[in-house]
Amino acid sequence: MTDAHSLKLIAEDPTDITVIAACIQDALTPVSDIAWLQQEGQLALAVNRFMWERPAEGRSSQPVYHRTHALIRVEGVTGVRSRGFDRGDRTRILSLLSIRPVDGGIDLLFSEDAAIRVAAENPIVTLLDMGDPWPTRWRPDHGED
């Protein structure tokens, strides 16, 4: 079941990808939940997404934010390379900061200088919230980045 705040977005060009990038900032994913489905030409990430688009609830001294499970899928993938993390360390949690279009594909940029380069001539990126959101008091903070 999903609620009224659930997102279902499809990006077919660089401008659309920037919209999805704003929605997935600070999503968390274990390395074990990243899969390159080579035969299907897809890269899929199951993430725990901070819902930036949903306003805080509760008292201003103790606001309540929300997270939800989501699926990020990139279609049209011909290759995948990674840097800054061990793909064998399946328990490591990566914090997704952005998706950026580049010549010949997209880059998934994570904290601590980790990244995945996705080779795709015309990538299609989808973001689909899965299930009900849950409350959290923790709001990502990037300080004065």
C-alpha atoms as a PDB file:
ATOM      1  CA  MET A   1       0.000   0.000   0.000  1.00  0.00           C
ATOM      2  CA  THR A   2       1.254   3.494  -0.774  1.00  0.00           C
ATOM      3  CA  ASP A   3       0.005   6.817   0.502  1.00  0.00           C
ATOM      4  CA  ALA A   4      -0.865  10.085  -1.209  1.00  0.00           C
ATOM      5  CA  HIS A   5       2.738  11.261  -0.886  1.00  0.00           C
ATOM      6  CA  SER A   6       4.160   8.397  -2.974  1.00  0.00           C
ATOM      7  CA  LEU A   7       6.266   9.336  -5.989  1.00  0.00           C
ATOM      8  CA  LYS A   8       6.211   7.666  -9.384  1.00  0.00           C
ATOM      9  CA  LEU A   9       8.594   9.506 -11.697  1.00  0.00           C
ATOM     10  CA  ILE A  10      10.140   8.725 -15.086  1.00  0.00           C
ATOM     11  CA  ALA A  11      13.109  10.666 -16.464  1.00  0.00           C
ATOM     12  CA  GLU A  12      13.864  10.450 -20.177  1.00  0.00           C
ATOM     13  CA  ASP A  13      16.218  13.425 -20.558  1.00  0.00           C
ATOM     14  CA  PRO A  14      18.802  15.349 -18.501  1.00  0.00           C
ATOM     15  CA  THR A  15      16.248  17.894 -17.240  1.00  0.00           C
ATOM     16  CA  ASP A  16      13.979  15.123 -15.967  1.00  0.00           C
ATOM     17  CA  ILE A  17      16.951  13.427 -14.291  1.00  0.00           C
ATOM     18  CA  THR A  18      17.626  16.568 -12.231  1.00  0.00           C
ATOM     19  CA  VAL A  19      14.083  16.322 -10.821  1.00  0.00           C
ATOM     20  CA  ILE A  20      14.680  12.736  -9.716  1.00  0.00           C
ATOM     21  CA  ALA A  21      18.100  13.748  -8.341  1.00  0.00           C
ATOM     22  CA  ALA A  22      16.409  16.249  -6.023  1.00  0.00           C
ATOM     23  CA  CYS A  23      14.018  13.571  -4.770  1.00  0.00           C
ATOM     24  CA  ILE A  24      16.646  10.936  -4.020  1.00  0.00           C
ATOM     25  CA  GLN A  25      19.197  13.105  -2.250  1.00  0.00           C
ATOM     26  CA  ASP A  26      20.244  11.335   0.974  1.00  0.00           C
ATOM     27  CA  ALA A  27      18.663   8.008   0.034  1.00  0.00           C
ATOM     28  CA  LEU A  28      20.400   5.121   1.786  1.00  0.00           C
ATOM     29  CA  THR A  29      21.155   1.780   0.155  1.00  0.00           C
ATOM     30  CA  PRO A  30      23.186  -1.220   1.210  1.00  0.00           C
ATOM     31  CA  VAL A  31      25.581  -2.440  -1.462  1.00  0.00           C
ATOM     32  CA  SER A  32      23.602  -5.706  -1.413  1.00  0.00           C
ATOM     33  CA  ASP A  33      20.553  -3.810  -2.757  1.00  0.00           C
ATOM     34  CA  ILE A  34      22.301  -2.606  -5.925  1.00  0.00           C
ATOM     35  CA  ALA A  35      21.897  -4.946  -8.891  1.00  0.00           C
ATOM     36  CA  TRP A  36      23.105  -4.735 -12.475  1.00  0.00           C
ATOM     37  CA  LEU A  37      20.699  -6.869 -14.484  1.00  0.00           C
ATOM     38  CA  GLN A  38      22.973  -7.208 -17.478  1.00  0.00           C
ATOM     39  CA  GLN A  39      20.627  -9.357 -19.594  1.00  0.00           C
ATOM     40  CA  GLU A  40      17.816  -6.810 -19.144  1.00  0.00           C
ATOM     41  CA  GLY A  41      20.104  -3.784 -19.589  1.00  0.00           C
ATOM     42  CA  GLN A  42      19.047  -2.370 -16.224  1.00  0.00           C
ATOM     43  CA  LEU A  43      20.607  -1.146 -12.992  1.00  0.00           C
ATOM     44  CA  ALA A  44      18.324  -1.271  -9.950  1.00  0.00           C
ATOM     45  CA  LEU A  45      18.767   0.160  -6.463  1.00  0.00           C
ATOM     46  CA  ALA A  46      16.431  -0.466  -3.546  1.00  0.00           C
ATOM     47  CA  VAL A  47      16.737   2.581  -1.293  1.00  0.00           C
ATOM     48  CA  ASN A  48      15.480   4.112   1.930  1.00  0.00           C
ATOM     49  CA  ARG A  49      14.500   7.571   0.635  1.00  0.00           C
ATOM     50  CA  PHE A  50      14.237  10.747   2.726  1.00  0.00           C
ATOM     51  CA  MET A  51      11.027  12.472   1.643  1.00  0.00           C
ATOM     52  CA  TRP A  52      12.273  16.028   1.032  1.00  0.00           C
ATOM     53  CA  GLU A  53       8.991  16.929  -0.652  1.00  0.00           C
ATOM     54  CA  ARG A  54       6.934  16.142   2.463  1.00  0.00           C
ATOM     55  CA  PRO A  55       6.778  18.917   5.107  1.00  0.00           C
ATOM     56  CA  ALA A  56       7.820  18.240   8.680  1.00  0.00           C
ATOM     57  CA  GLU A  57       5.057  17.490  11.151  1.00  0.00           C
ATOM     58  CA  GLY A  58       4.784  18.046  14.892  1.00  0.00           C
ATOM     59  CA  ARG A  59       6.208  20.782  17.089  1.00  0.00           C
ATOM     60  CA  SER A  60       8.991  22.936  15.700  1.00  0.00           C
ATOM     61  CA  SER A  61      11.211  21.914  18.637  1.00  0.00           C
ATOM     62  CA  GLN A  62      10.810  18.232  17.706  1.00  0.00           C
ATOM     63  CA  PRO A  63       9.782  17.978  14.056  1.00  0.00           C
ATOM     64  CA  VAL A  64       8.935  14.624  12.508  1.00  0.00           C
ATOM     65  CA  TYR A  65      10.117  13.878   8.959  1.00  0.00           C
ATOM     66  CA  HIS A  66       9.472  10.826   6.791  1.00  0.00           C
ATOM     67  CA  ARG A  67      11.330   8.152   4.869  1.00  0.00           C
ATOM     68  CA  THR A  68      10.029   5.497   2.507  1.00  0.00           C
ATOM     69  CA  HIS A  69      11.328   2.507   0.611  1.00  0.00           C
ATOM     70  CA  ALA A  70      11.809   3.220  -3.084  1.00  0.00           C
ATOM     71  CA  LEU A  71      13.155   1.609  -6.219  1.00  0.00           C
ATOM     72  CA  ILE A  72      15.457   3.473  -8.597  1.00  0.00           C
ATOM     73  CA  ARG A  73      15.825   1.806 -11.989  1.00  0.00           C
ATOM     74  CA  VAL A  74      17.999   2.819 -14.927  1.00  0.00           C
ATOM     75  CA  GLU A  75      17.098   1.274 -18.288  1.00  0.00           C
ATOM     76  CA  GLY A  76      19.234   1.091 -21.440  1.00  0.00           C
ATOM     77  CA  VAL A  77      22.388   0.208 -19.484  1.00  0.00           C
ATOM     78  CA  THR A  78      25.335  -1.201 -21.447  1.00  0.00           C
ATOM     79  CA  GLY A  79      27.930  -1.115 -18.680  1.00  0.00           C
ATOM     80  CA  VAL A  80      28.478  -0.299 -15.011  1.00  0.00           C
ATOM     81  CA  ARG A  81      31.661   0.769 -13.205  1.00  0.00           C
ATOM     82  CA  SER A  82      32.096   1.705  -9.570  1.00  0.00           C
ATOM     83  CA  ARG A  83      34.698   3.473  -7.459  1.00  0.00           C
ATOM     84  CA  GLY A  84      35.208   4.315  -3.812  1.00  0.00           C
ATOM     85  CA  PHE A  85      33.573   1.220  -2.330  1.00  0.00           C
ATOM     86  CA  ASP A  86      34.042  -2.550  -2.329  1.00  0.00           C
ATOM     87  CA  ARG A  87      31.154  -4.231  -4.180  1.00  0.00           C
ATOM     88  CA  GLY A  88      31.894  -7.344  -2.123  1.00  0.00           C
ATOM     89  CA  ASP A  89      31.176  -5.486   1.144  1.00  0.00           C
ATOM     90  CA  ARG A  90      27.463  -6.142   0.878  1.00  0.00           C
ATOM     91  CA  THR A  91      26.683  -4.757   4.354  1.00  0.00           C
ATOM     92  CA  ARG A  92      28.109  -1.302   3.616  1.00  0.00           C
ATOM     93  CA  ILE A  93      25.468   1.434   3.495  1.00  0.00           C
ATOM     94  CA  LEU A  94      25.890   4.085   0.788  1.00  0.00           C
ATOM     95  CA  SER A  95      24.321   7.537   0.992  1.00  0.00           C
ATOM     96  CA  LEU A  96      23.167   8.652  -2.451  1.00  0.00           C
ATOM     97  CA  LEU A  97      23.750  12.362  -2.976  1.00  0.00           C
ATOM     98  CA  SER A  98      22.809  12.857  -6.618  1.00  0.00           C
ATOM     99  CA  ILE A  99      22.297  11.511 -10.107  1.00  0.00           C
ATOM    100  CA  ARG A 100      24.118  13.492 -12.774  1.00  0.00           C
ATOM    101  CA  PRO A 101      23.818  13.113 -16.558  1.00  0.00           C
ATOM    102  CA  VAL A 102      27.191  12.709 -18.296  1.00  0.00           C
ATOM    103  CA  ASP A 103      28.192  12.001 -21.906  1.00  0.00           C
ATOM    104  CA  GLY A 104      27.295   8.391 -22.569  1.00  0.00           C
ATOM    105  CA  GLY A 105      25.232   7.823 -19.420  1.00  0.00           C
ATOM    106  CA  ILE A 106      24.773   8.964 -15.844  1.00  0.00           C
ATOM    107  CA  ASP A 107      26.764   9.071 -12.621  1.00  0.00           C
ATOM    108  CA  LEU A 108      25.295   8.036  -9.286  1.00  0.00           C
ATOM    109  CA  LEU A 109      27.229  10.047  -6.695  1.00  0.00           C
ATOM    110  CA  PHE A 110      27.447   8.875  -3.093  1.00  0.00           C
ATOM    111  CA  SER A 111      28.993  10.340   0.042  1.00  0.00           C
ATOM    112  CA  GLU A 112      32.651   9.586   0.857  1.00  0.00           C
ATOM    113  CA  ASP A 113      33.587   9.950  -2.851  1.00  0.00           C
ATOM    114  CA  ALA A 114      31.910   6.697  -3.915  1.00  0.00           C
ATOM    115  CA  ALA A 115      30.278   6.596  -7.355  1.00  0.00           C
ATOM    116  CA  ILE A 116      28.721   4.371  -9.978  1.00  0.00           C
ATOM    117  CA  ARG A 117      29.139   5.265 -13.658  1.00  0.00           C
ATOM    118  CA  VAL A 118      26.266   3.884 -15.722  1.00  0.00           C
ATOM    119  CA  ALA A 119      26.963   3.628 -19.452  1.00  0.00           C
ATOM    120  CA  ALA A 120      23.756   4.194 -21.433  1.00  0.00           C
ATOM    121  CA  GLU A 121      23.167   6.177 -24.618  1.00  0.00           C
ATOM    122  CA  ASN A 122      19.581   7.173 -23.785  1.00  0.00           C
ATOM    123  CA  PRO A 123      19.043   6.214 -20.148  1.00  0.00           C
ATOM    124  CA  ILE A 124      15.548   6.117 -18.733  1.00  0.00           C
ATOM    125  CA  VAL A 125      15.487   6.554 -14.953  1.00  0.00           C
ATOM    126  CA  THR A 126      12.462   5.676 -12.854  1.00  0.00           C
ATOM    127  CA  LEU A 127      11.787   6.349  -9.195  1.00  0.00           C
ATOM    128  CA  LEU A 128       8.973   4.430  -7.551  1.00  0.00           C
ATOM    129  CA  ASP A 129       8.073   4.676  -3.874  1.00  0.00           C
ATOM    130  CA  MET A 130       7.186   1.304  -2.377  1.00  0.00           C
ATOM    131  CA  GLY A 131       5.068   0.936   0.751  1.00  0.00           C
ATOM    132  CA  ASP A 132       4.069   3.333   3.462  1.00  0.00           C
ATOM    133  CA  PRO A 133       6.340   6.102   4.778  1.00  0.00           C
ATOM    134  CA  TRP A 134       7.563   5.958   8.368  1.00  0.00           C
ATOM    135  CA  PRO A 135       8.445   8.796  10.741  1.00  0.00           C
ATOM    136  CA  THR A 136      11.986   9.825  11.604  1.00  0.00           C
ATOM    137  CA  ARG A 137      13.354  12.667  13.697  1.00  0.00           C
ATOM    138  CA  TRP A 138      16.654  12.639  11.797  1.00  0.00           C
ATOM    139  CA  ARG A 139      16.902  15.146   8.941  1.00  0.00           C
ATOM    140  CA  PRO A 140      20.017  14.960   6.733  1.00  0.00           C
ATOM    141  CA  ASP A 141      22.233  17.984   7.196  1.00  0.00           C
ATOM    142  CA  HIS A 142      25.030  18.926   4.820  1.00  0.00           C
ATOM    143  CA  GLY A 143      26.157  21.926   6.820  1.00  0.00           C
ATOM    144  CA  GLU A 144      27.814  24.562   4.664  1.00  0.00           C
ATOM    145  CA  ASP A 145      28.648  22.255   1.722  1.00  0.00           C
END
